[in-house]
PDB file of all heavy atoms in Angstrom:
ATOM      1  N   LEU A   1      -5.566  -4.600  -3.399  1.00  0.00           N
ATOM      2  CA  LEU A   1      -6.888  -4.014  -3.552  1.00  0.00           C
ATOM      3  C   LEU A   1      -6.932  -2.578  -3.112  1.00  0.00           C
ATOM      4  O   LEU A   1      -7.654  -1.787  -3.648  1.00  0.00           O
ATOM      5  CB  LEU A   1      -7.935  -4.794  -2.689  1.00  0.00           C
ATOM      6  CG  LEU A   1      -8.471  -6.095  -3.356  1.00  0.00           C
ATOM      7  CD1 LEU A   1      -7.382  -7.209  -3.412  1.00  0.00           C
ATOM      8  CD2 LEU A   1      -9.668  -6.631  -2.574  1.00  0.00           C
ATOM      9  N   MET A   2      -6.085  -2.244  -2.072  1.00  0.00           N
ATOM     10  CA  MET A   2      -6.108  -0.878  -1.539  1.00  0.00           C
ATOM     11  C   MET A   2      -4.978  -0.054  -2.234  1.00  0.00           C
ATOM     12  O   MET A   2      -4.050  -0.562  -2.766  1.00  0.00           O
ATOM     13  CB  MET A   2      -5.935  -0.935  -0.046  1.00  0.00           C
ATOM     14  CG  MET A   2      -6.891  -1.690   0.724  1.00  0.00           C
ATOM     15  SD  MET A   2      -6.469  -1.884   2.486  1.00  0.00           S
ATOM     16  CE  MET A   2      -6.680  -0.094   3.039  1.00  0.00           C
ATOM     17  N   PHE A   3      -5.244   1.291  -2.229  1.00  0.00           N
ATOM     18  CA  PHE A   3      -4.277   2.315  -2.661  1.00  0.00           C
ATOM     19  C   PHE A   3      -3.989   2.065  -4.219  1.00  0.00           C
ATOM     20  O   PHE A   3      -2.893   2.363  -4.720  1.00  0.00           O
ATOM     21  CB  PHE A   3      -2.958   2.240  -1.905  1.00  0.00           C
ATOM     22  CG  PHE A   3      -3.192   2.558  -0.454  1.00  0.00           C
ATOM     23  CD1 PHE A   3      -3.079   1.494   0.509  1.00  0.00           C
ATOM     24  CD2 PHE A   3      -3.570   3.772  -0.031  1.00  0.00           C
ATOM     25  CE1 PHE A   3      -3.274   1.677   1.828  1.00  0.00           C
ATOM     26  CE2 PHE A   3      -3.780   4.006   1.320  1.00  0.00           C
ATOM     27  CZ  PHE A   3      -3.665   2.976   2.254  1.00  0.00           C
ATOM     28  N   ASN A   4      -5.023   1.621  -4.917  1.00  0.00           N
ATOM     29  CA  ASN A   4      -4.821   1.466  -6.411  1.00  0.00           C
ATOM     30  C   ASN A   4      -4.763   2.756  -7.146  1.00  0.00           C
ATOM     31  O   ASN A   4      -4.635   2.712  -8.385  1.00  0.00           O
ATOM     32  CB  ASN A   4      -5.945   0.586  -6.942  1.00  0.00           C
ATOM     33  CG  ASN A   4      -5.781  -0.941  -6.640  1.00  0.00           C
ATOM     34  OD1 ASN A   4      -4.655  -1.402  -6.502  1.00  0.00           O
ATOM     35  ND2 ASN A   4      -6.834  -1.695  -6.520  1.00  0.00           N
ATOM     36  N   GLU A   5      -4.842   3.869  -6.452  1.00  0.00           N
ATOM     37  CA  GLU A   5      -4.702   5.185  -7.070  1.00  0.00           C
ATOM     38  C   GLU A   5      -3.271   5.350  -7.586  1.00  0.00           C
ATOM     39  O   GLU A   5      -3.000   6.261  -8.425  1.00  0.00           O
ATOM     40  CB  GLU A   5      -5.088   6.230  -6.109  1.00  0.00           C
ATOM     41  CG  GLU A   5      -6.474   6.202  -5.558  1.00  0.00           C
ATOM     42  CD  GLU A   5      -6.656   5.268  -4.418  1.00  0.00           C
ATOM     43  OE1 GLU A   5      -5.651   4.814  -3.871  1.00  0.00           O
ATOM     44  OE2 GLU A   5      -7.809   4.932  -4.008  1.00  0.00           O
ATOM     45  N   VAL A   6      -2.333   4.616  -7.088  1.00  0.00           N
ATOM     46  CA  VAL A   6      -0.922   4.740  -7.450  1.00  0.00           C
ATOM     47  C   VAL A   6      -0.402   3.331  -7.915  1.00  0.00           C
ATOM     48  O   VAL A   6      -0.920   2.384  -7.520  1.00  0.00           O
ATOM     49  CB  VAL A   6      -0.077   5.332  -6.280  1.00  0.00           C
ATOM     50  CG1 VAL A   6      -0.570   6.675  -5.924  1.00  0.00           C
ATOM     51  CG2 VAL A   6      -0.096   4.403  -5.049  1.00  0.00           C
ATOM     52  N   PRO A   7       0.693   3.332  -8.604  1.00  0.00           N
ATOM     53  CA  PRO A   7       1.326   2.002  -8.989  1.00  0.00           C
ATOM     54  C   PRO A   7       1.765   1.219  -7.770  1.00  0.00           C
ATOM     55  O   PRO A   7       1.965   1.724  -6.673  1.00  0.00           O
ATOM     56  CB  PRO A   7       2.598   2.479  -9.775  1.00  0.00           C
ATOM     57  CG  PRO A   7       2.314   3.815 -10.245  1.00  0.00           C
ATOM     58  CD  PRO A   7       1.479   4.524  -9.158  1.00  0.00           C
ATOM     59  N   PHE A   8       1.841  -0.119  -7.954  1.00  0.00           N
ATOM     60  CA  PHE A   8       2.044  -1.017  -6.870  1.00  0.00           C
ATOM     61  C   PHE A   8       3.170  -0.625  -5.978  1.00  0.00           C
ATOM     62  O   PHE A   8       3.112  -0.594  -4.734  1.00  0.00           O
ATOM     63  CB  PHE A   8       2.253  -2.438  -7.426  1.00  0.00           C
ATOM     64  CG  PHE A   8       2.566  -3.456  -6.320  1.00  0.00           C
ATOM     65  CD1 PHE A   8       1.445  -3.964  -5.531  1.00  0.00           C
ATOM     66  CD2 PHE A   8       3.818  -3.912  -6.050  1.00  0.00           C
ATOM     67  CE1 PHE A   8       1.707  -4.871  -4.526  1.00  0.00           C
ATOM     68  CE2 PHE A   8       4.023  -4.825  -5.103  1.00  0.00           C
ATOM     69  CZ  PHE A   8       2.938  -5.327  -4.376  1.00  0.00           C
ATOM     70  N   MET A   9       4.372  -0.298  -6.497  1.00  0.00           N
ATOM     71  CA  MET A   9       5.542   0.004  -5.722  1.00  0.00           C
ATOM     72  C   MET A   9       5.414   1.265  -4.978  1.00  0.00           C
ATOM     73  O   MET A   9       6.194   1.489  -4.046  1.00  0.00           O
ATOM     74  CB  MET A   9       6.819  -0.017  -6.563  1.00  0.00           C
ATOM     75  CG  MET A   9       7.117  -1.406  -7.210  1.00  0.00           C
ATOM     76  SD  MET A   9       7.498  -2.600  -5.914  1.00  0.00           S
ATOM     77  CE  MET A   9       9.138  -2.133  -5.383  1.00  0.00           C
ATOM     78  N   GLU A  10       4.470   2.073  -5.240  1.00  0.00           N
ATOM     79  CA  GLU A  10       4.203   3.326  -4.446  1.00  0.00           C
ATOM     80  C   GLU A  10       3.182   3.134  -3.350  1.00  0.00           C
ATOM     81  O   GLU A  10       3.000   4.030  -2.521  1.00  0.00           O
ATOM     82  CB  GLU A  10       3.781   4.486  -5.402  1.00  0.00           C
ATOM     83  CG  GLU A  10       4.781   4.845  -6.461  1.00  0.00           C
ATOM     84  CD  GLU A  10       4.286   5.942  -7.384  1.00  0.00           C
ATOM     85  OE1 GLU A  10       3.334   6.687  -6.964  1.00  0.00           O
ATOM     86  OE2 GLU A  10       4.758   6.000  -8.526  1.00  0.00           O
ATOM     87  N   ARG A  11       2.592   2.004  -3.337  1.00  0.00           N
ATOM     88  CA  ARG A  11       1.479   1.725  -2.329  1.00  0.00           C
ATOM     89  C   ARG A  11       2.061   1.525  -0.925  1.00  0.00           C
ATOM     90  O   ARG A  11       1.361   1.744  -0.011  1.00  0.00           O
ATOM     91  CB  ARG A  11       0.653   0.564  -2.782  1.00  0.00           C
ATOM     92  CG  ARG A  11      -0.130   0.780  -4.108  1.00  0.00           C
ATOM     93  CD  ARG A  11      -0.852  -0.340  -4.607  1.00  0.00           C
ATOM     94  NE  ARG A  11      -1.213  -0.182  -6.015  1.00  0.00           N
ATOM     95  CZ  ARG A  11      -1.751  -1.086  -6.806  1.00  0.00           C
ATOM     96  NH1 ARG A  11      -1.945  -2.291  -6.324  1.00  0.00           N
ATOM     97  NH2 ARG A  11      -1.977  -0.811  -8.048  1.00  0.00           N
ATOM     98  N   PHE A  12       3.252   1.080  -0.827  1.00  0.00           N
ATOM     99  CA  PHE A  12       3.936   0.912   0.480  1.00  0.00           C
ATOM    100  C   PHE A  12       3.968   2.204   1.230  1.00  0.00           C
ATOM    101  O   PHE A  12       3.642   2.300   2.401  1.00  0.00           O
ATOM    102  CB  PHE A  12       5.311   0.225   0.318  1.00  0.00           C
ATOM    103  CG  PHE A  12       5.274  -1.108  -0.291  1.00  0.00           C
ATOM    104  CD1 PHE A  12       5.327  -1.269  -1.691  1.00  0.00           C
ATOM    105  CD2 PHE A  12       5.249  -2.281   0.526  1.00  0.00           C
ATOM    106  CE1 PHE A  12       5.278  -2.561  -2.217  1.00  0.00           C
ATOM    107  CE2 PHE A  12       5.209  -3.513  -0.055  1.00  0.00           C
ATOM    108  CZ  PHE A  12       5.241  -3.622  -1.455  1.00  0.00           C
ATOM    109  N   ALA A  13       4.388   3.268   0.541  1.00  0.00           N
ATOM    110  CA  ALA A  13       4.466   4.565   1.123  1.00  0.00           C
ATOM    111  C   ALA A  13       3.061   5.041   1.511  1.00  0.00           C
ATOM    112  O   ALA A  13       2.860   5.607   2.631  1.00  0.00           O
ATOM    113  CB  ALA A  13       5.081   5.575   0.138  1.00  0.00           C
ATOM    114  N   SER A  14       2.062   4.804   0.667  1.00  0.00           N
ATOM    115  CA  SER A  14       0.734   5.233   0.936  1.00  0.00           C
ATOM    116  C   SER A  14       0.156   4.516   2.212  1.00  0.00           C
ATOM    117  O   SER A  14      -0.430   5.170   3.067  1.00  0.00           O
ATOM    118  CB  SER A  14      -0.202   4.938  -0.201  1.00  0.00           C
ATOM    119  OG  SER A  14       0.193   5.660  -1.371  1.00  0.00           O
ATOM    120  N   ALA A  15       0.431   3.173   2.347  1.00  0.00           N
ATOM    121  CA  ALA A  15       0.002   2.441   3.446  1.00  0.00           C
ATOM    122  C   ALA A  15       0.609   2.998   4.741  1.00  0.00           C
ATOM    123  O   ALA A  15      -0.045   3.192   5.817  1.00  0.00           O
ATOM    124  CB  ALA A  15       0.307   0.997   3.323  1.00  0.00           C
ATOM    125  N   ALA A  16       1.921   3.274   4.741  1.00  0.00           N
ATOM    126  CA  ALA A  16       2.630   3.761   5.894  1.00  0.00           C
ATOM    127  C   ALA A  16       2.082   5.096   6.236  1.00  0.00           C
ATOM    128  O   ALA A  16       1.930   5.436   7.475  1.00  0.00           O
ATOM    129  CB  ALA A  16       4.137   3.835   5.586  1.00  0.00           C
ATOM    130  N   GLU A  17       1.936   5.979   5.331  1.00  0.00           N
ATOM    131  CA  GLU A  17       1.376   7.379   5.616  1.00  0.00           C
ATOM    132  C   GLU A  17       0.037   7.354   6.289  1.00  0.00           C
ATOM    133  O   GLU A  17      -0.277   8.240   7.075  1.00  0.00           O
ATOM    134  CB  GLU A  17       1.315   8.113   4.274  1.00  0.00           C
ATOM    135  CG  GLU A  17       2.673   8.501   3.709  1.00  0.00           C
ATOM    136  CD  GLU A  17       2.523   9.044   2.294  1.00  0.00           C
ATOM    137  OE1 GLU A  17       1.433   9.134   1.770  1.00  0.00           O
ATOM    138  OE2 GLU A  17       3.571   9.377   1.652  1.00  0.00           O
ATOM    139  N   GLN A  18      -0.756   6.240   6.032  1.00  0.00           N
ATOM    140  CA  GLN A  18      -2.011   6.157   6.586  1.00  0.00           C
ATOM    141  C   GLN A  18      -2.064   5.442   7.952  1.00  0.00           C
ATOM    142  O   GLN A  18      -3.104   5.271   8.551  1.00  0.00           O
ATOM    143  CB  GLN A  18      -3.050   5.471   5.680  1.00  0.00           C
ATOM    144  CG  GLN A  18      -3.378   6.292   4.430  1.00  0.00           C
ATOM    145  CD  GLN A  18      -4.059   7.666   4.739  1.00  0.00           C
ATOM    146  OE1 GLN A  18      -4.854   7.735   5.697  1.00  0.00           O
ATOM    147  NE2 GLN A  18      -3.743   8.690   3.939  1.00  0.00           N
ATOM    148  N   GLY A  19      -0.912   5.034   8.393  1.00  0.00           N
ATOM    149  CA  GLY A  19      -0.785   4.477   9.722  1.00  0.00           C
ATOM    150  C   GLY A  19      -0.663   2.994   9.816  1.00  0.00           C
ATOM    151  O   GLY A  19      -0.606   2.454  10.900  1.00  0.00           O
ATOM    152  N   PHE A  20      -0.654   2.257   8.623  1.00  0.00           N
ATOM    153  CA  PHE A  20      -0.518   0.818   8.666  1.00  0.00           C
ATOM    154  C   PHE A  20       0.949   0.415   8.974  1.00  0.00           C
ATOM    155  O   PHE A  20       1.821   1.132   8.469  1.00  0.00           O
ATOM    156  CB  PHE A  20      -0.991   0.213   7.277  1.00  0.00           C
ATOM    157  CG  PHE A  20      -2.459   0.263   7.055  1.00  0.00           C
ATOM    158  CD1 PHE A  20      -3.033   1.289   6.272  1.00  0.00           C
ATOM    159  CD2 PHE A  20      -3.304  -0.649   7.668  1.00  0.00           C
ATOM    160  CE1 PHE A  20      -4.305   1.379   6.115  1.00  0.00           C
ATOM    161  CE2 PHE A  20      -4.678  -0.640   7.425  1.00  0.00           C
ATOM    162  CZ  PHE A  20      -5.211   0.414   6.635  1.00  0.00           C
ATOM    163  N   ARG A  21       1.144  -0.622   9.705  1.00  0.00           N
ATOM    164  CA  ARG A  21       2.458  -1.118   9.985  1.00  0.00           C
ATOM    165  C   ARG A  21       2.753  -2.462   9.297  1.00  0.00           C
ATOM    166  O   ARG A  21       3.821  -2.986   9.340  1.00  0.00           O
ATOM    167  CB  ARG A  21       2.631  -1.256  11.521  1.00  0.00           C
ATOM    168  CG  ARG A  21       2.347   0.011  12.303  1.00  0.00           C
ATOM    169  CD  ARG A  21       3.546   0.830  12.627  1.00  0.00           C
ATOM    170  NE  ARG A  21       4.519   1.037  11.590  1.00  0.00           N
ATOM    171  CZ  ARG A  21       4.576   2.141  10.853  1.00  0.00           C
ATOM    172  NH1 ARG A  21       3.611   3.110  10.903  1.00  0.00           N
ATOM    173  NH2 ARG A  21       5.525   2.318   9.957  1.00  0.00           N
ATOM    174  N   GLY A  22       1.733  -3.001   8.738  1.00  0.00           N
ATOM    175  CA  GLY A  22       1.856  -4.237   8.047  1.00  0.00           C
ATOM    176  C   GLY A  22       1.160  -4.256   6.653  1.00  0.00           C
ATOM    177  O   GLY A  22       0.197  -3.430   6.443  1.00  0.00           O
ATOM    178  N   VAL A  23       1.683  -5.009   5.720  1.00  0.00           N
ATOM    179  CA  VAL A  23       1.013  -5.087   4.387  1.00  0.00           C
ATOM    180  C   VAL A  23       0.892  -6.552   3.927  1.00  0.00           C
ATOM    181  O   VAL A  23       1.692  -7.476   4.354  1.00  0.00           O
ATOM    182  CB  VAL A  23       1.789  -4.347   3.310  1.00  0.00           C
ATOM    183  CG1 VAL A  23       1.744  -2.815   3.656  1.00  0.00           C
ATOM    184  CG2 VAL A  23       3.225  -4.812   3.171  1.00  0.00           C
ATOM    185  N   GLU A  24       0.000  -6.784   3.122  1.00  0.00           N
ATOM    186  CA  GLU A  24      -0.187  -8.113   2.452  1.00  0.00           C
ATOM    187  C   GLU A  24      -0.599  -7.819   0.968  1.00  0.00           C
ATOM    188  O   GLU A  24      -0.950  -6.651   0.698  1.00  0.00           O
ATOM    189  CB  GLU A  24      -1.258  -8.953   3.160  1.00  0.00           C
ATOM    190  CG  GLU A  24      -2.696  -8.384   3.139  1.00  0.00           C
ATOM    191  CD  GLU A  24      -3.687  -9.315   3.756  1.00  0.00           C
ATOM    192  OE1 GLU A  24      -3.341 -10.033   4.740  1.00  0.00           O
ATOM    193  OE2 GLU A  24      -4.788  -9.338   3.289  1.00  0.00           O
ATOM    194  N   TYR A  25      -0.625  -8.835   0.176  1.00  0.00           N
ATOM    195  CA  TYR A  25      -1.075  -8.646  -1.186  1.00  0.00           C
ATOM    196  C   TYR A  25      -1.225 -10.120  -1.821  1.00  0.00           C
ATOM    197  O   TYR A  25      -0.819 -11.063  -1.168  1.00  0.00           O
ATOM    198  CB  TYR A  25      -0.201  -7.797  -2.082  1.00  0.00           C
ATOM    199  CG  TYR A  25       1.353  -7.960  -1.792  1.00  0.00           C
ATOM    200  CD1 TYR A  25       1.985  -9.128  -2.236  1.00  0.00           C
ATOM    201  CD2 TYR A  25       2.029  -6.911  -1.122  1.00  0.00           C
ATOM    202  CE1 TYR A  25       3.337  -9.254  -1.853  1.00  0.00           C
ATOM    203  CE2 TYR A  25       3.392  -7.101  -0.871  1.00  0.00           C
ATOM    204  CZ  TYR A  25       3.975  -8.238  -1.238  1.00  0.00           C
ATOM    205  OH  TYR A  25       5.388  -8.454  -0.966  1.00  0.00           O
ATOM    206  N   LEU A  26      -1.783 -10.171  -3.014  1.00  0.00           N
ATOM    207  CA  LEU A  26      -2.023 -11.441  -3.565  1.00  0.00           C
ATOM    208  C   LEU A  26      -0.640 -12.092  -4.018  1.00  0.00           C
ATOM    209  O   LEU A  26      -0.298 -13.108  -3.566  1.00  0.00           O
ATOM    210  CB  LEU A  26      -2.954 -11.389  -4.737  1.00  0.00           C
ATOM    211  CG  LEU A  26      -4.401 -10.890  -4.432  1.00  0.00           C
ATOM    212  CD1 LEU A  26      -5.225 -10.896  -5.697  1.00  0.00           C
ATOM    213  CD2 LEU A  26      -5.031 -11.813  -3.418  1.00  0.00           C
ATOM    214  N   PHE A  27       0.042 -11.369  -4.901  1.00  0.00           N
ATOM    215  CA  PHE A  27       1.250 -11.954  -5.550  1.00  0.00           C
ATOM    216  C   PHE A  27       2.319 -10.929  -5.722  1.00  0.00           C
ATOM    217  O   PHE A  27       1.976  -9.843  -6.193  1.00  0.00           O
ATOM    218  CB  PHE A  27       0.891 -12.564  -6.882  1.00  0.00           C
ATOM    219  CG  PHE A  27      -0.290 -13.448  -6.847  1.00  0.00           C
ATOM    220  CD1 PHE A  27      -1.519 -12.982  -7.491  1.00  0.00           C
ATOM    221  CD2 PHE A  27      -0.274 -14.698  -6.263  1.00  0.00           C
ATOM    222  CE1 PHE A  27      -2.616 -13.815  -7.482  1.00  0.00           C
ATOM    223  CE2 PHE A  27      -1.521 -15.454  -6.179  1.00  0.00           C
ATOM    224  CZ  PHE A  27      -2.568 -15.015  -6.825  1.00  0.00           C
TER     225      PHE A  27
END
């Protein structure tokens, strides 16, 4: 749901840049 501005495999970098240390997703 978050960071949909970029393709899925690029969202890990976006999450880390914003300070998240964990991720989840549907599938």
